[in-house]
Amino acid sequence: MFNTAEDASKHVDMVNRDNFGYLYDTFHANIEEKDPVGCIIKTAKNINHIHISENDRGTPGKGNIPWKETFSAIKEIQWNGWLTIEAFGRALPDLAAATRVWRDFFPNKEEVYEEGYKFIKENIN
């Protein structure tokens, strides 16, 4: 429906409901945004959820998302909500086909949640 944080944020403003916001996703911001970190600051008032996802949807911290800057922006907006890891694999064939996942992005699922959680904790505090 929307490709950029600005477009999503404008829609949230138009709907104008306290319980309505948009999901900021590091994977999609990496693809769609000219400034994938700056858009966090500009649209902070309308962010309801944040997905922490690597550029290849693998383990956070093992790709090329600008994490230092991303976490700095998240801290700057004083985010106190969840930071949810979104990683994709091939365990569910229908989902893998729908999301175009043809290879493994991590050696095992435990790496994603164990190392991903540790990575977030080290960078958000």
Protein backbone atom coordinates (compact mmCIF):
# COMPACT_ATOMS: atom_id res chain seq x y z
CA MET A 1 0.00 0.00 0.00
CA PHE A 2 2.86 2.39 0.86
CA ASN A 3 6.53 2.25 -0.01
CA THR A 4 7.96 4.97 2.20
CA ALA A 5 7.70 5.96 5.83
CA GLU A 6 6.59 9.42 4.78
CA ASP A 7 3.66 8.05 2.76
CA ALA A 8 2.65 5.72 5.59
CA SER A 9 2.94 8.52 8.12
CA LYS A 10 0.77 10.83 6.02
CA HIS A 11 -1.88 8.11 5.88
CA VAL A 12 -1.75 7.72 9.67
CA ASP A 13 -2.27 11.48 10.00
CA MET A 14 -5.23 11.30 7.62
CA VAL A 15 -6.88 8.44 9.58
CA ASN A 16 -6.23 10.36 12.81
CA ARG A 17 -6.92 7.64 15.38
CA ASP A 18 -4.94 7.10 18.58
CA ASN A 19 -4.57 3.37 18.00
CA PHE A 20 -3.48 3.63 14.36
CA GLY A 21 0.14 3.86 13.26
CA TYR A 22 2.62 2.30 10.91
CA LEU A 23 5.30 -0.37 11.11
CA TYR A 24 8.89 0.77 10.51
CA ASP A 25 10.87 -2.14 9.07
CA THR A 26 14.65 -1.95 8.59
CA PHE A 27 14.54 -4.42 5.67
CA HIS A 28 12.01 -2.41 3.68
CA ALA A 29 13.56 0.93 4.64
CA ASN A 30 16.87 -0.38 3.27
CA ILE A 31 15.16 -0.97 -0.08
CA GLU A 32 12.68 1.89 -0.37
CA GLU A 33 14.05 4.88 1.52
CA LYS A 34 16.59 7.42 0.30
CA ASP A 35 17.42 7.96 3.98
CA PRO A 36 16.47 4.77 5.85
CA VAL A 37 17.57 6.20 9.20
CA GLY A 38 16.39 9.80 8.86
CA CYS A 39 12.85 8.68 8.14
CA ILE A 40 12.66 7.26 11.68
CA ILE A 41 13.12 10.72 13.16
CA LYS A 42 10.79 12.42 10.66
CA THR A 43 7.90 10.00 11.21
CA ALA A 44 8.47 8.99 14.84
CA LYS A 45 5.10 10.21 16.06
CA ASN A 46 3.33 7.65 13.86
CA ILE A 47 5.50 4.57 14.40
CA ASN A 48 3.58 1.87 16.30
CA HIS A 49 5.90 -1.08 15.68
CA ILE A 50 9.52 -1.65 14.68
CA HIS A 51 10.86 -4.71 12.90
CA ILE A 52 14.57 -5.38 13.20
CA SER A 53 15.47 -7.20 10.00
CA GLU A 54 18.74 -7.61 8.17
CA ASN A 55 19.11 -6.60 4.52
CA ASP A 56 18.82 -10.29 3.53
CA ARG A 57 16.27 -11.09 6.26
CA GLY A 58 18.84 -13.16 8.09
CA THR A 59 20.34 -12.70 11.55
CA PRO A 60 20.37 -9.03 12.65
CA GLY A 61 23.90 -7.66 12.70
CA LYS A 62 25.24 -9.97 10.00
CA GLY A 63 24.45 -7.88 6.95
CA ASN A 64 24.72 -4.28 5.81
CA ILE A 65 21.92 -2.37 7.54
CA PRO A 66 23.43 0.80 9.12
CA TRP A 67 22.76 -0.49 12.62
CA LYS A 68 24.73 2.04 14.65
CA GLU A 69 22.80 4.90 13.07
CA THR A 70 19.50 3.00 13.18
CA PHE A 71 19.76 2.28 16.89
CA SER A 72 20.84 5.88 17.54
CA ALA A 73 17.68 7.11 15.81
CA ILE A 74 15.52 4.63 17.74
CA LYS A 75 17.04 5.93 20.97
CA GLU A 76 16.61 9.54 19.86
CA ILE A 77 12.86 9.10 19.41
CA GLN A 78 12.77 7.51 22.87
CA TRP A 79 11.17 4.35 21.55
CA ASN A 80 9.84 2.23 24.40
CA GLY A 81 7.96 -0.36 22.39
CA TRP A 82 9.00 -3.77 21.18
CA LEU A 83 11.86 -4.31 18.75
CA THR A 84 10.77 -7.44 16.93
CA ILE A 85 13.18 -9.56 14.92
CA GLU A 86 11.84 -10.44 11.50
CA ALA A 87 13.89 -13.13 9.79
CA PHE A 88 12.84 -15.46 7.01
CA GLY A 89 13.82 -19.04 6.35
CA ARG A 90 12.69 -22.07 4.39
CA ALA A 91 11.00 -24.00 7.23
CA LEU A 92 7.52 -23.14 5.95
CA PRO A 93 7.57 -23.91 2.20
CA ASP A 94 4.47 -21.85 1.31
CA LEU A 95 5.77 -18.79 3.14
CA ALA A 96 9.24 -19.26 1.66
CA ALA A 97 7.74 -19.37 -1.83
CA ALA A 98 5.57 -16.31 -1.19
CA THR A 99 8.51 -14.28 0.14
CA ARG A 100 10.94 -15.56 -2.51
CA VAL A 101 13.28 -17.26 -0.05
CA TRP A 102 15.40 -19.75 -1.98
CA ARG A 103 18.38 -20.15 0.33
CA ASP A 104 19.18 -20.26 4.01
CA PHE A 105 20.11 -16.92 5.59
CA PHE A 106 21.32 -18.43 8.86
CA PRO A 107 22.69 -21.83 9.89
CA ASN A 108 19.87 -22.52 12.37
CA LYS A 109 16.88 -20.74 13.88
CA GLU A 110 18.55 -20.49 17.27
CA GLU A 111 21.17 -18.15 15.81
CA VAL A 112 18.47 -15.70 14.81
CA TYR A 113 16.87 -15.36 18.21
CA GLU A 114 19.94 -15.88 20.38
CA GLU A 115 22.40 -13.68 18.47
CA GLY A 116 19.68 -11.30 17.27
CA TYR A 117 18.46 -10.68 20.82
CA LYS A 118 22.02 -10.19 22.07
CA PHE A 119 22.72 -7.80 19.18
CA ILE A 120 19.66 -5.69 19.95
CA LYS A 121 20.39 -5.56 23.68
CA GLU A 122 24.01 -4.51 23.07
CA ASN A 123 22.96 -1.73 20.71
CA ILE A 124 19.82 -0.31 22.29
CA ASN A 125 21.16 0.14 25.83
